PDB file of N, CA and C in Angstrom:
ATOM      1  N   MET A   1     -32.239  59.333  -8.713  1.00  0.00           N
ATOM      2  CA  MET A   1     -31.701  59.300  -7.383  1.00  0.00           C
ATOM      3  C   MET A   1     -30.242  58.845  -7.475  1.00  0.00           C
ATOM      4  N   THR A   2     -29.381  59.523  -6.825  1.00  0.00           N
ATOM      5  CA  THR A   2     -27.959  59.209  -6.851  1.00  0.00           C
ATOM      6  C   THR A   2     -27.628  58.256  -5.699  1.00  0.00           C
ATOM      7  N   ASP A   3     -26.452  57.796  -5.741  1.00  0.00           N
ATOM      8  CA  ASP A   3     -26.003  56.887  -4.682  1.00  0.00           C
ATOM      9  C   ASP A   3     -25.984  57.584  -3.324  1.00  0.00           C
ATOM     10  N   GLU A   4     -25.616  58.838  -3.325  1.00  0.00           N
ATOM     11  CA  GLU A   4     -25.553  59.562  -2.051  1.00  0.00           C
ATOM     12  C   GLU A   4     -26.955  59.718  -1.451  1.00  0.00           C
ATOM     13  N   GLU A   5     -27.941  60.022  -2.287  1.00  0.00           N
ATOM     14  CA  GLU A   5     -29.308  60.171  -1.790  1.00  0.00           C
ATOM     15  C   GLU A   5     -29.842  58.841  -1.259  1.00  0.00           C
ATOM     16  N   LEU A   6     -29.541  57.741  -1.970  1.00  0.00           N
ATOM     17  CA  LEU A   6     -29.977  56.418  -1.528  1.00  0.00           C
ATOM     18  C   LEU A   6     -29.334  56.062  -0.189  1.00  0.00           C
ATOM     19  N   ALA A   7     -28.074  56.320  -0.051  1.00  0.00           N
ATOM     20  CA  ALA A   7     -27.385  56.050   1.208  1.00  0.00           C
ATOM     21  C   ALA A   7     -27.979  56.881   2.331  1.00  0.00           C
ATOM     22  N   PHE A   8     -28.304  58.146   2.058  1.00  0.00           N
ATOM     23  CA  PHE A   8     -28.893  59.015   3.061  1.00  0.00           C
ATOM     24  C   PHE A   8     -30.238  58.470   3.531  1.00  0.00           C
ATOM     25  N   ARG A   9     -31.077  58.036   2.595  1.00  0.00           N
ATOM     26  CA  ARG A   9     -32.388  57.496   2.945  1.00  0.00           C
ATOM     27  C   ARG A   9     -32.266  56.189   3.739  1.00  0.00           C
ATOM     28  N   LEU A  10     -31.326  55.357   3.329  1.00  0.00           N
ATOM     29  CA  LEU A  10     -31.154  54.089   4.046  1.00  0.00           C
ATOM     30  C   LEU A  10     -30.672  54.328   5.482  1.00  0.00           C
ATOM     31  N   ARG A  11     -29.845  55.336   5.674  1.00  0.00           N
ATOM     32  CA  ARG A  11     -29.383  55.652   7.023  1.00  0.00           C
ATOM     33  C   ARG A  11     -30.525  56.138   7.904  1.00  0.00           C
ATOM     34  N   ARG A  12     -31.505  56.783   7.326  1.00  0.00           N
ATOM     35  CA  ARG A  12     -32.624  57.318   8.098  1.00  0.00           C
ATOM     36  C   ARG A  12     -33.648  56.246   8.465  1.00  0.00           C
ATOM     37  N   LEU A  13     -33.655  55.130   7.738  1.00  0.00           N
ATOM     38  CA  LEU A  13     -34.616  54.067   8.045  1.00  0.00           C
ATOM     39  C   LEU A  13     -34.280  53.440   9.396  1.00  0.00           C
ATOM     40  N   PRO A  14     -35.304  53.091  10.163  1.00  0.00           N
ATOM     41  CA  PRO A  14     -35.031  52.438  11.446  1.00  0.00           C
ATOM     42  C   PRO A  14     -34.510  51.013  11.206  1.00  0.00           C
ATOM     43  N   ARG A  15     -33.589  50.604  12.063  1.00  0.00           N
ATOM     44  CA  ARG A  15     -33.037  49.246  11.930  1.00  0.00           C
ATOM     45  C   ARG A  15     -34.008  48.247  12.530  1.00  0.00           C
ATOM     46  N   ARG A  16     -34.160  47.145  11.777  1.00  0.00           N
ATOM     47  CA  ARG A  16     -35.010  46.084  12.296  1.00  0.00           C
ATOM     48  C   ARG A  16     -34.122  44.931  12.752  1.00  0.00           C
ATOM     49  N   THR A  17     -34.495  44.310  13.841  1.00  0.00           N
ATOM     50  CA  THR A  17     -33.723  43.157  14.330  1.00  0.00           C
ATOM     51  C   THR A  17     -34.327  41.870  13.777  1.00  0.00           C
ATOM     52  N   VAL A  18     -33.490  40.864  13.683  1.00  0.00           N
ATOM     53  CA  VAL A  18     -33.929  39.550  13.198  1.00  0.00           C
ATOM     54  C   VAL A  18     -34.686  38.882  14.341  1.00  0.00           C
ATOM     55  N   PRO A  19     -35.831  38.273  14.062  1.00  0.00           N
ATOM     56  CA  PRO A  19     -36.555  37.573  15.125  1.00  0.00           C
ATOM     57  C   PRO A  19     -35.681  36.486  15.746  1.00  0.00           C
ATOM     58  N   ILE A  20     -35.860  36.257  17.036  1.00  0.00           N
ATOM     59  CA  ILE A  20     -34.994  35.322  17.773  1.00  0.00           C
ATOM     60  C   ILE A  20     -35.118  33.911  17.204  1.00  0.00           C
ATOM     61  N   ASP A  21     -36.290  33.469  16.814  1.00  0.00           N
ATOM     62  CA  ASP A  21     -36.461  32.116  16.252  1.00  0.00           C
ATOM     63  C   ASP A  21     -35.662  31.957  14.957  1.00  0.00           C
ATOM     64  N   TRP A  22     -35.717  32.986  14.120  1.00  0.00           N
ATOM     65  CA  TRP A  22     -34.949  32.946  12.875  1.00  0.00           C
ATOM     66  C   TRP A  22     -33.457  32.882  13.189  1.00  0.00           C
ATOM     67  N   ARG A  23     -33.050  33.711  14.129  1.00  0.00           N
ATOM     68  CA  ARG A  23     -31.634  33.770  14.484  1.00  0.00           C
ATOM     69  C   ARG A  23     -31.149  32.407  14.966  1.00  0.00           C
ATOM     70  N   ARG A  24     -31.944  31.749  15.838  1.00  0.00           N
ATOM     71  CA  ARG A  24     -31.558  30.426  16.347  1.00  0.00           C
ATOM     72  C   ARG A  24     -31.467  29.400  15.219  1.00  0.00           C
ATOM     73  N   SER A  25     -32.445  29.402  14.327  1.00  0.00           N
ATOM     74  CA  SER A  25     -32.416  28.412  13.240  1.00  0.00           C
ATOM     75  C   SER A  25     -31.256  28.669  12.282  1.00  0.00           C
ATOM     76  N   ILE A  26     -30.982  29.941  12.007  1.00  0.00           N
ATOM     77  CA  ILE A  26     -29.859  30.273  11.117  1.00  0.00           C
ATOM     78  C   ILE A  26     -28.539  29.846  11.749  1.00  0.00           C
ATOM     79  N   LEU A  27     -28.369  30.134  13.045  1.00  0.00           N
ATOM     80  CA  LEU A  27     -27.131  29.751  13.721  1.00  0.00           C
ATOM     81  C   LEU A  27     -26.998  28.234  13.830  1.00  0.00           C
ATOM     82  N   ALA A  28     -28.097  27.531  14.063  1.00  0.00           N
ATOM     83  CA  ALA A  28     -28.047  26.067  14.142  1.00  0.00           C
ATOM     84  C   ALA A  28     -27.641  25.467  12.796  1.00  0.00           C
ATOM     85  N   GLN A  29     -28.185  25.992  11.709  1.00  0.00           N
ATOM     86  CA  GLN A  29     -27.808  25.500  10.376  1.00  0.00           C
ATOM     87  C   GLN A  29     -26.349  25.811  10.073  1.00  0.00           C
ATOM     88  N   ALA A  30     -25.905  26.984  10.478  1.00  0.00           N
ATOM     89  CA  ALA A  30     -24.510  27.353  10.229  1.00  0.00           C
ATOM     90  C   ALA A  30     -23.559  26.458  11.024  1.00  0.00           C
ATOM     91  N   GLU A  31     -23.913  26.145  12.271  1.00  0.00           N
ATOM     92  CA  GLU A  31     -23.066  25.254  13.072  1.00  0.00           C
ATOM     93  C   GLU A  31     -23.051  23.844  12.500  1.00  0.00           C
ATOM     94  N   ALA A  32     -24.193  23.357  12.035  1.00  0.00           N
ATOM     95  CA  ALA A  32     -24.250  22.020  11.427  1.00  0.00           C
ATOM     96  C   ALA A  32     -23.403  21.972  10.162  1.00  0.00           C
ATOM     97  N   LEU A  33     -23.474  23.016   9.370  1.00  0.00           N
ATOM     98  CA  LEU A  33     -22.664  23.079   8.152  1.00  0.00           C
ATOM     99  C   LEU A  33     -21.183  23.140   8.494  1.00  0.00           C
ATOM    100  N   GLU A  34     -20.852  23.858   9.535  1.00  0.00           N
ATOM    101  CA  GLU A  34     -19.455  23.964   9.946  1.00  0.00           C
ATOM    102  C   GLU A  34     -18.933  22.620  10.430  1.00  0.00           C
ATOM    103  N   LEU A  35     -19.755  21.874  11.170  1.00  0.00           N
ATOM    104  CA  LEU A  35     -19.339  20.548  11.625  1.00  0.00           C
ATOM    105  C   LEU A  35     -19.165  19.596  10.457  1.00  0.00           C
ATOM    106  N   GLU A  36     -20.010  19.720   9.436  1.00  0.00           N
ATOM    107  CA  GLU A  36     -19.894  18.855   8.258  1.00  0.00           C
ATOM    108  C   GLU A  36     -18.600  19.092   7.511  1.00  0.00           C
ATOM    109  N   THR A  37     -18.246  20.349   7.353  1.00  0.00           N
ATOM    110  CA  THR A  37     -17.080  20.684   6.546  1.00  0.00           C
ATOM    111  C   THR A  37     -15.847  20.993   7.377  1.00  0.00           C
ATOM    112  N   ALA A  38     -15.926  20.785   8.699  1.00  0.00           N
ATOM    113  CA  ALA A  38     -14.830  21.189   9.571  1.00  0.00           C
ATOM    114  C   ALA A  38     -13.572  20.365   9.341  1.00  0.00           C
ATOM    115  N   GLY A  39     -13.690  19.065   9.305  1.00  0.00           N
ATOM    116  CA  GLY A  39     -12.483  18.250   9.223  1.00  0.00           C
ATOM    117  C   GLY A  39     -12.520  17.278   8.074  1.00  0.00           C
ATOM    118  N   PRO A  40     -11.367  16.755   7.732  1.00  0.00           N
ATOM    119  CA  PRO A  40     -11.298  15.779   6.649  1.00  0.00           C
ATOM    120  C   PRO A  40     -11.879  14.445   7.092  1.00  0.00           C
ATOM    121  N   ARG A  41     -12.332  13.666   6.118  1.00  0.00           N
ATOM    122  CA  ARG A  41     -12.925  12.374   6.387  1.00  0.00           C
ATOM    123  C   ARG A  41     -12.274  11.322   5.504  1.00  0.00           C
ATOM    124  N   GLY A  42     -12.406  10.085   5.932  1.00  0.00           N
ATOM    125  CA  GLY A  42     -11.971   8.957   5.119  1.00  0.00           C
ATOM    126  C   GLY A  42     -10.479   8.975   4.857  1.00  0.00           C
ATOM    127  N   TRP A  43     -10.125   8.889   3.580  1.00  0.00           N
ATOM    128  CA  TRP A  43      -8.714   8.843   3.186  1.00  0.00           C
ATOM    129  C   TRP A  43      -7.984  10.118   3.566  1.00  0.00           C
ATOM    130  N   HIS A  44      -8.705  11.212   3.639  1.00  0.00           N
ATOM    131  CA  HIS A  44      -8.050  12.471   3.992  1.00  0.00           C
ATOM    132  C   HIS A  44      -7.479  12.411   5.406  1.00  0.00           C
ATOM    133  N   LEU A  45      -8.154  11.706   6.307  1.00  0.00           N
ATOM    134  CA  LEU A  45      -7.631  11.573   7.661  1.00  0.00           C
ATOM    135  C   LEU A  45      -6.294  10.855   7.665  1.00  0.00           C
ATOM    136  N   LEU A  46      -6.155   9.858   6.809  1.00  0.00           N
ATOM    137  CA  LEU A  46      -4.911   9.112   6.743  1.00  0.00           C
ATOM    138  C   LEU A  46      -3.822   9.893   6.015  1.00  0.00           C
ATOM    139  N   MET A  47      -4.208  10.588   4.963  1.00  0.00           N
ATOM    140  CA  MET A  47      -3.200  11.206   4.111  1.00  0.00           C
ATOM    141  C   MET A  47      -2.803  12.614   4.527  1.00  0.00           C
ATOM    142  N   GLN A  48      -3.671  13.336   5.175  1.00  0.00           N
ATOM    143  CA  GLN A  48      -3.381  14.735   5.447  1.00  0.00           C
ATOM    144  C   GLN A  48      -2.137  14.951   6.305  1.00  0.00           C
ATOM    145  N   PRO A  49      -1.950  14.209   7.400  1.00  0.00           N
ATOM    146  CA  PRO A  49      -0.778  14.510   8.223  1.00  0.00           C
ATOM    147  C   PRO A  49       0.550  14.219   7.524  1.00  0.00           C
ATOM    148  N   TRP A  50       0.567  13.291   6.592  1.00  0.00           N
ATOM    149  CA  TRP A  50       1.827  12.878   5.974  1.00  0.00           C
ATOM    150  C   TRP A  50       1.768  13.011   4.460  1.00  0.00           C
ATOM    151  N   ARG A  51       1.287  14.114   3.962  1.00  0.00           N
ATOM    152  CA  ARG A  51       1.152  14.273   2.509  1.00  0.00           C
ATOM    153  C   ARG A  51       2.480  14.112   1.796  1.00  0.00           C
ATOM    154  N   LEU A  52       3.515  14.715   2.330  1.00  0.00           N
ATOM    155  CA  LEU A  52       4.825  14.614   1.687  1.00  0.00           C
ATOM    156  C   LEU A  52       5.333  13.173   1.715  1.00  0.00           C
ATOM    157  N   GLY A  53       5.064  12.482   2.793  1.00  0.00           N
ATOM    158  CA  GLY A  53       5.457  11.070   2.876  1.00  0.00           C
ATOM    159  C   GLY A  53       4.744  10.216   1.847  1.00  0.00           C
ATOM    160  N   TRP A  54       3.443  10.463   1.664  1.00  0.00           N
ATOM    161  CA  TRP A  54       2.694   9.697   0.673  1.00  0.00           C
ATOM    162  C   TRP A  54       3.165  10.022  -0.743  1.00  0.00           C
ATOM    163  N   VAL A  55       3.517  11.257  -0.977  1.00  0.00           N
ATOM    164  CA  VAL A  55       4.046  11.628  -2.298  1.00  0.00           C
ATOM    165  C   VAL A  55       5.365  10.899  -2.534  1.00  0.00           C
ATOM    166  N   ALA A  56       6.190  10.811  -1.497  1.00  0.00           N
ATOM    167  CA  ALA A  56       7.467  10.105  -1.636  1.00  0.00           C
ATOM    168  C   ALA A  56       7.251   8.619  -1.904  1.00  0.00           C
ATOM    169  N   VAL A  57       6.280   8.011  -1.226  1.00  0.00           N
ATOM    170  CA  VAL A  57       5.984   6.593  -1.457  1.00  0.00           C
ATOM    171  C   VAL A  57       5.497   6.377  -2.886  1.00  0.00           C
ATOM    172  N   ALA A  58       4.621   7.248  -3.357  1.00  0.00           N
ATOM    173  CA  ALA A  58       4.114   7.114  -4.728  1.00  0.00           C
ATOM    174  C   ALA A  58       5.245   7.274  -5.741  1.00  0.00           C
ATOM    175  N   ALA A  59       6.125   8.232  -5.497  1.00  0.00           N
ATOM    176  CA  ALA A  59       7.258   8.432  -6.409  1.00  0.00           C
ATOM    177  C   ALA A  59       8.176   7.216  -6.404  1.00  0.00           C
ATOM    178  N   ALA A  60       8.390   6.624  -5.241  1.00  0.00           N
ATOM    179  CA  ALA A  60       9.242   5.428  -5.163  1.00  0.00           C
ATOM    180  C   ALA A  60       8.629   4.279  -5.960  1.00  0.00           C
ATOM    181  N   TRP A  61       7.303   4.104  -5.868  1.00  0.00           N
ATOM    182  CA  TRP A  61       6.653   3.046  -6.636  1.00  0.00           C
ATOM    183  C   TRP A  61       6.769   3.299  -8.131  1.00  0.00           C
ATOM    184  N   VAL A  62       6.648   4.531  -8.542  1.00  0.00           N
ATOM    185  CA  VAL A  62       6.787   4.839  -9.968  1.00  0.00           C
ATOM    186  C   VAL A  62       8.192   4.496 -10.436  1.00  0.00           C
ATOM    187  N   VAL A  63       9.195   4.853  -9.640  1.00  0.00           N
ATOM    188  CA  VAL A  63      10.582   4.549 -10.009  1.00  0.00           C
ATOM    189  C   VAL A  63      10.792   3.040 -10.064  1.00  0.00           C
ATOM    190  N   ILE A  64      10.253   2.318  -9.089  1.00  0.00           N
ATOM    191  CA  ILE A  64      10.403   0.858  -9.078  1.00  0.00           C
ATOM    192  C   ILE A  64       9.764   0.241 -10.321  1.00  0.00           C
ATOM    193  N   LEU A  65       8.568   0.688 -10.659  1.00  0.00           N
ATOM    194  CA  LEU A  65       7.895   0.131 -11.832  1.00  0.00           C
ATOM    195  C   LEU A  65       8.634   0.468 -13.122  1.00  0.00           C
ATOM    196  N   LEU A  66       9.152   1.680 -13.206  1.00  0.00           N
ATOM    197  CA  LEU A  66       9.913   2.041 -14.406  1.00  0.00           C
ATOM    198  C   LEU A  66      11.189   1.221 -14.518  1.00  0.00           C
ATOM    199  N   LEU A  67      11.890   1.020 -13.417  1.00  0.00           N
ATOM    200  CA  LEU A  67      13.115   0.226 -13.459  1.00  0.00           C
ATOM    201  C   LEU A  67      12.811  -1.231 -13.758  1.00  0.00           C
ATOM    202  N   ARG A  68      11.730  -1.739 -13.215  1.00  0.00           N
ATOM    203  CA  ARG A  68      11.380  -3.131 -13.464  1.00  0.00           C
ATOM    204  C   ARG A  68      11.049  -3.355 -14.933  1.00  0.00           C
ATOM    205  N   ASP A  69      10.330  -2.434 -15.530  1.00  0.00           N
ATOM    206  CA  ASP A  69       9.956  -2.597 -16.930  1.00  0.00           C
ATOM    207  C   ASP A  69      11.114  -2.349 -17.885  1.00  0.00           C
ATOM    208  N   SER A  70      12.077  -1.535 -17.457  1.00  0.00           N
ATOM    209  CA  SER A  70      13.179  -1.239 -18.356  1.00  0.00           C
ATOM    210  C   SER A  70      14.357  -2.189 -18.174  1.00  0.00           C
ATOM    211  N   ALA A  71      14.363  -2.997 -17.124  1.00  0.00           N
ATOM    212  CA  ALA A  71      15.474  -3.918 -16.882  1.00  0.00           C
ATOM    213  C   ALA A  71      15.440  -5.055 -17.900  1.00  0.00           C
ATOM    214  N   PRO A  72      16.597  -5.390 -18.470  1.00  0.00           N
ATOM    215  CA  PRO A  72      16.620  -6.492 -19.435  1.00  0.00           C
ATOM    216  C   PRO A  72      16.446  -7.828 -18.721  1.00  0.00           C
ATOM    217  N   THR A  73      15.748  -8.736 -19.378  1.00  0.00           N
ATOM    218  CA  THR A  73      15.581 -10.081 -18.839  1.00  0.00           C
ATOM    219  C   THR A  73      16.553 -11.005 -19.552  1.00  0.00           C
ATOM    220  N   GLU A  74      16.541 -12.242 -19.174  1.00  0.00           N
ATOM    221  CA  GLU A  74      17.497 -13.192 -19.764  1.00  0.00           C
ATOM    222  C   GLU A  74      17.166 -13.522 -21.209  1.00  0.00           C
ATOM    223  N   THR A  75      16.009 -13.185 -21.651  1.00  0.00           N
ATOM    224  CA  THR A  75      15.649 -13.476 -23.040  1.00  0.00           C
ATOM    225  C   THR A  75      15.854 -12.261 -23.936  1.00  0.00           C
ATOM    226  N   GLY A  76      16.566 -11.257 -23.461  1.00  0.00           N
ATOM    227  CA  GLY A  76      16.871 -10.109 -24.295  1.00  0.00           C
ATOM    228  C   GLY A  76      15.863  -8.988 -24.211  1.00  0.00           C
ATOM    229  N   GLY A  77      15.283  -8.756 -23.059  1.00  0.00           N
ATOM    230  CA  GLY A  77      14.396  -7.626 -22.908  1.00  0.00           C
ATOM    231  C   GLY A  77      12.920  -7.964 -22.971  1.00  0.00           C
ATOM    232  N   ARG A  78      12.605  -9.192 -23.311  1.00  0.00           N
ATOM    233  CA  ARG A  78      11.204  -9.585 -23.345  1.00  0.00           C
ATOM    234  C   ARG A  78      10.896 -10.426 -22.113  1.00  0.00           C
ATOM    235  N   PRO A  79       9.695 -10.369 -21.604  1.00  0.00           N
ATOM    236  CA  PRO A  79       9.357 -11.204 -20.453  1.00  0.00           C
ATOM    237  C   PRO A  79       9.424 -12.680 -20.817  1.00  0.00           C
ATOM    238  N   MET A  80       9.822 -13.483 -19.862  1.00  0.00           N
ATOM    239  CA  MET A  80       9.982 -14.910 -20.114  1.00  0.00           C
ATOM    240  C   MET A  80       8.638 -15.620 -20.054  1.00  0.00           C
ATOM    241  N   GLU A  81       8.515 -16.647 -20.857  1.00  0.00           N
ATOM    242  CA  GLU A  81       7.318 -17.480 -20.859  1.00  0.00           C
ATOM    243  C   GLU A  81       7.386 -18.435 -19.665  1.00  0.00           C
ATOM    244  N   PRO A  82       6.246 -18.928 -19.199  1.00  0.00           N
ATOM    245  CA  PRO A  82       6.267 -19.857 -18.066  1.00  0.00           C
ATOM    246  C   PRO A  82       7.090 -21.111 -18.325  1.00  0.00           C
ATOM    247  N   ALA A  83       7.093 -21.599 -19.557  1.00  0.00           N
ATOM    248  CA  ALA A  83       7.883 -22.787 -19.867  1.00  0.00           C
ATOM    249  C   ALA A  83       9.379 -22.492 -19.728  1.00  0.00           C
ATOM    250  N   GLN A  84       9.808 -21.307 -20.145  1.00  0.00           N
ATOM    251  CA  GLN A  84      11.217 -20.925 -20.004  1.00  0.00           C
ATOM    252  C   GLN A  84      11.597 -20.795 -18.530  1.00  0.00           C
ATOM    253  N   ILE A  85      10.711 -20.227 -17.753  1.00  0.00           N
ATOM    254  CA  ILE A  85      10.978 -20.076 -16.317  1.00  0.00           C
ATOM    255  C   ILE A  85      11.101 -21.451 -15.668  1.00  0.00           C
ATOM    256  N   ARG A  86      10.192 -22.368 -16.017  1.00  0.00           N
ATOM    257  CA  ARG A  86      10.232 -23.718 -15.465  1.00  0.00           C
ATOM    258  C   ARG A  86      11.528 -24.421 -15.833  1.00  0.00           C
ATOM    259  N   ALA A  87      11.950 -24.286 -17.111  1.00  0.00           N
ATOM    260  CA  ALA A  87      13.189 -24.928 -17.551  1.00  0.00           C
ATOM    261  C   ALA A  87      14.393 -24.366 -16.803  1.00  0.00           C
ATOM    262  N   GLN A  88      14.429 -23.060 -16.603  1.00  0.00           N
ATOM    263  CA  GLN A  88      15.542 -22.460 -15.868  1.00  0.00           C
ATOM    264  C   GLN A  88      15.563 -22.929 -14.420  1.00  0.00           C
ATOM    265  N   LEU A  89      14.399 -23.005 -13.802  1.00  0.00           N
ATOM    266  CA  LEU A  89      14.350 -23.458 -12.416  1.00  0.00           C
ATOM    267  C   LEU A  89      14.825 -24.902 -12.293  1.00  0.00           C
ATOM    268  N   LEU A  90      14.430 -25.750 -13.252  1.00  0.00           N
ATOM    269  CA  LEU A  90      14.884 -27.141 -13.218  1.00  0.00           C
ATOM    270  C   LEU A  90      16.385 -27.252 -13.423  1.00  0.00           C
ATOM    271  N   SER A  91      16.941 -26.457 -14.326  1.00  0.00           N
ATOM    272  CA  SER A  91      18.396 -26.518 -14.547  1.00  0.00           C
ATOM    273  C   SER A  91      19.143 -26.005 -13.317  1.00  0.00           C
ATOM    274  N   ARG A  92      18.634 -24.994 -12.683  1.00  0.00           N
ATOM    275  CA  ARG A  92      19.287 -24.496 -11.466  1.00  0.00           C
ATOM    276  C   ARG A  92      19.176 -25.518 -10.336  1.00  0.00           C
ATOM    277  N   ALA A  93      18.033 -26.212 -10.274  1.00  0.00           N
ATOM    278  CA  ALA A  93      17.879 -27.247  -9.250  1.00  0.00           C
ATOM    279  C   ALA A  93      18.870 -28.379  -9.491  1.00  0.00           C
ATOM    280  N   ARG A  94      19.090 -28.769 -10.772  1.00  0.00           N
ATOM    281  CA  ARG A  94      20.077 -29.812 -11.084  1.00  0.00           C
ATOM    282  C   ARG A  94      21.482 -29.342 -10.721  1.00  0.00           C
ATOM    283  N   ASP A  95      21.784 -28.056 -10.995  1.00  0.00           N
ATOM    284  CA  ASP A  95      23.099 -27.521 -10.638  1.00  0.00           C
ATOM    285  C   ASP A  95      23.310 -27.565  -9.128  1.00  0.00           C
ATOM    286  N   LEU A  96      22.304 -27.202  -8.385  1.00  0.00           N
ATOM    287  CA  LEU A  96      22.422 -27.242  -6.928  1.00  0.00           C
ATOM    288  C   LEU A  96      22.498 -28.676  -6.422  1.00  0.00           C
ATOM    289  N   ASP A  97      21.832 -29.576  -7.147  1.00  0.00           N
ATOM    290  CA  ASP A  97      21.831 -30.975  -6.743  1.00  0.00           C
ATOM    291  C   ASP A  97      23.225 -31.580  -6.845  1.00  0.00           C
ATOM    292  N   GLU A  98      24.038 -31.123  -7.792  1.00  0.00           N
ATOM    293  CA  GLU A  98      25.397 -31.629  -7.940  1.00  0.00           C
ATOM    294  C   GLU A  98      26.242 -31.326  -6.706  1.00  0.00           C
ATOM    295  N   PHE A  99      26.012 -30.198  -6.098  1.00  0.00           N
ATOM    296  CA  PHE A  99      26.846 -29.771  -4.981  1.00  0.00           C
ATOM    297  C   PHE A  99      26.264 -30.148  -3.623  1.00  0.00           C
ATOM    298  N   THR A 100      25.118 -30.776  -3.617  1.00  0.00           N
ATOM    299  CA  THR A 100      24.510 -31.177  -2.354  1.00  0.00           C
ATOM    300  C   THR A 100      25.099 -32.508  -1.932  1.00  0.00           C
ATOM    301  N   PRO A 101      25.631 -32.593  -0.711  1.00  0.00           N
ATOM    302  CA  PRO A 101      26.210 -33.883  -0.277  1.00  0.00           C
ATOM    303  C   PRO A 101      25.116 -34.928  -0.085  1.00  0.00           C
ATOM    304  N   ARG A 102      25.417 -36.124  -0.512  1.00  0.00           N
ATOM    305  CA  ARG A 102      24.459 -37.218  -0.401  1.00  0.00           C
ATOM    306  C   ARG A 102      24.839 -38.068   0.818  1.00  0.00           C
ATOM    307  N   PRO A 103      23.851 -38.468   1.574  1.00  0.00           N
ATOM    308  CA  PRO A 103      24.165 -39.356   2.703  1.00  0.00           C
ATOM    309  C   PRO A 103      24.505 -40.753   2.185  1.00  0.00           C
ATOM    310  N   THR A 104      25.491 -41.355   2.801  1.00  0.00           N
ATOM    311  CA  THR A 104      25.872 -42.720   2.397  1.00  0.00           C
ATOM    312  C   THR A 104      24.947 -43.695   3.099  1.00  0.00           C
ATOM    313  N   PRO A 105      24.540 -44.750   2.395  1.00  0.00           N
ATOM    314  CA  PRO A 105      23.657 -45.714   3.042  1.00  0.00           C
ATOM    315  C   PRO A 105      24.377 -46.398   4.198  1.00  0.00           C
ATOM    316  N   ALA A 106      23.683 -46.582   5.259  1.00  0.00           N
ATOM    317  CA  ALA A 106      24.279 -47.196   6.447  1.00  0.00           C
ATOM    318  C   ALA A 106      24.378 -48.700   6.250  1.00  0.00           C
ATOM    319  N   ARG A 107      25.547 -49.257   6.622  1.00  0.00           N
ATOM    320  CA  ARG A 107      25.747 -50.699   6.555  1.00  0.00           C
ATOM    321  C   ARG A 107      25.288 -51.304   7.876  1.00  0.00           C
ATOM    322  N   PRO A 108      24.726 -52.437   7.777  1.00  0.00           N
ATOM    323  CA  PRO A 108      24.354 -53.071   9.045  1.00  0.00           C
ATOM    324  C   PRO A 108      25.607 -53.442   9.828  1.00  0.00           C
ATOM    325  N   THR A 109      25.564 -53.166  11.080  1.00  0.00           N
ATOM    326  CA  THR A 109      26.717 -53.469  11.927  1.00  0.00           C
ATOM    327  C   THR A 109      26.717 -54.958  12.253  1.00  0.00           C
ATOM    328  N   SER A 110      27.888 -55.453  12.553  1.00  0.00           N
ATOM    329  CA  SER A 110      28.011 -56.897  12.799  1.00  0.00           C
ATOM    330  C   SER A 110      27.309 -57.305  14.092  1.00  0.00           C
ATOM    331  N   SER A 111      27.193 -56.402  15.036  1.00  0.00           N
ATOM    332  CA  SER A 111      26.556 -56.783  16.293  1.00  0.00           C
ATOM    333  C   SER A 111      25.052 -56.947  16.129  1.00  0.00           C
ATOM    334  N   LEU A 112      24.482 -56.254  15.169  1.00  0.00           N
ATOM    335  CA  LEU A 112      23.047 -56.352  14.975  1.00  0.00           C
ATOM    336  C   LEU A 112      22.667 -57.400  13.938  1.00  0.00           C
ATOM    337  N   ALA A 113      23.577 -57.768  13.090  1.00  0.00           N
ATOM    338  CA  ALA A 113      23.267 -58.722  12.043  1.00  0.00           C
ATOM    339  C   ALA A 113      23.234 -60.143  12.639  1.00  0.00           C
ATOM    340  N   PRO A 114      22.367 -60.967  12.084  1.00  0.00           N
ATOM    341  CA  PRO A 114      22.338 -62.353  12.594  1.00  0.00           C
ATOM    342  C   PRO A 114      23.645 -63.083  12.223  1.00  0.00           C
ATOM    343  N   ARG A 115      24.118 -63.921  13.100  1.00  0.00           N
ATOM    344  CA  ARG A 115      25.373 -64.639  12.887  1.00  0.00           C
ATOM    345  C   ARG A 115      25.106 -66.139  12.660  1.00  0.00           C
ATOM    346  N   ARG A 116      26.079 -66.728  12.024  1.00  0.00           N
ATOM    347  CA  ARG A 116      26.039 -68.178  11.904  1.00  0.00           C
ATOM    348  C   ARG A 116      26.709 -68.767  13.144  1.00  0.00           C
ATOM    349  N   ARG A 117      26.471 -70.018  13.362  1.00  0.00           N
ATOM    350  CA  ARG A 117      27.060 -70.661  14.538  1.00  0.00           C
ATOM    351  C   ARG A 117      28.563 -70.732  14.424  1.00  0.00           C
ATOM    352  N   SER A 118      29.002 -70.818  13.223  1.00  0.00           N
ATOM    353  CA  SER A 118      30.440 -70.926  13.053  1.00  0.00           C
ATOM    354  C   SER A 118      31.142 -69.590  13.295  1.00  0.00           C
ATOM    355  N   GLU A 119      30.423 -68.491  13.143  1.00  0.00           N
ATOM    356  CA  GLU A 119      31.004 -67.178  13.363  1.00  0.00           C
ATOM    357  C   GLU A 119      30.915 -66.731  14.803  1.00  0.00           C
ATOM    358  N   ALA A 120      30.193 -67.456  15.622  1.00  0.00           N
ATOM    359  CA  ALA A 120      30.011 -67.059  17.014  1.00  0.00           C
ATOM    360  C   ALA A 120      31.332 -67.129  17.742  1.00  0.00           C
ATOM    361  N   ILE A 121      31.497 -66.362  18.725  1.00  0.00           N
ATOM    362  CA  ILE A 121      32.749 -66.293  19.489  1.00  0.00           C
ATOM    363  C   ILE A 121      32.853 -67.451  20.407  1.00  0.00           C
TER     364      ILE A 121
END
C-alpha cells in the first residue's frame, strides 16, 4: 500500500469526535499545566525585570573583588596579620593624640576657696 492509498482510505473513514468528558479533563489538565508554567517564581520574579541591572551589579562586584585582591598592602602585597593591624592602629592613635588639645585643669577661684581671717576684706 502506498502513501496515496493510505491517505485515500483515511479520508474515507468517518470522523469520530472526542467524548465531552475526555475533552473537559484534557482541557482542565492543559490549563493547570499552563498555570504552573505560565510565570516565573521565586528569584525569577526578582531578577527577570532587571536582568541587565543584575548582570551589571555582579560585574561590579567581580571588579571590586579583583581590585581588592590585587591592591598592594602596607606589608608589600601580603595581607596584614592582626598584630600588625593593632600596632598600626595604636601608632596612629598616638599620632592623633599629639595633636588633640588637652583641657587645662581648672584652678579654684578665690571666691570659692576658703579664706583665712587675715585675708578677709
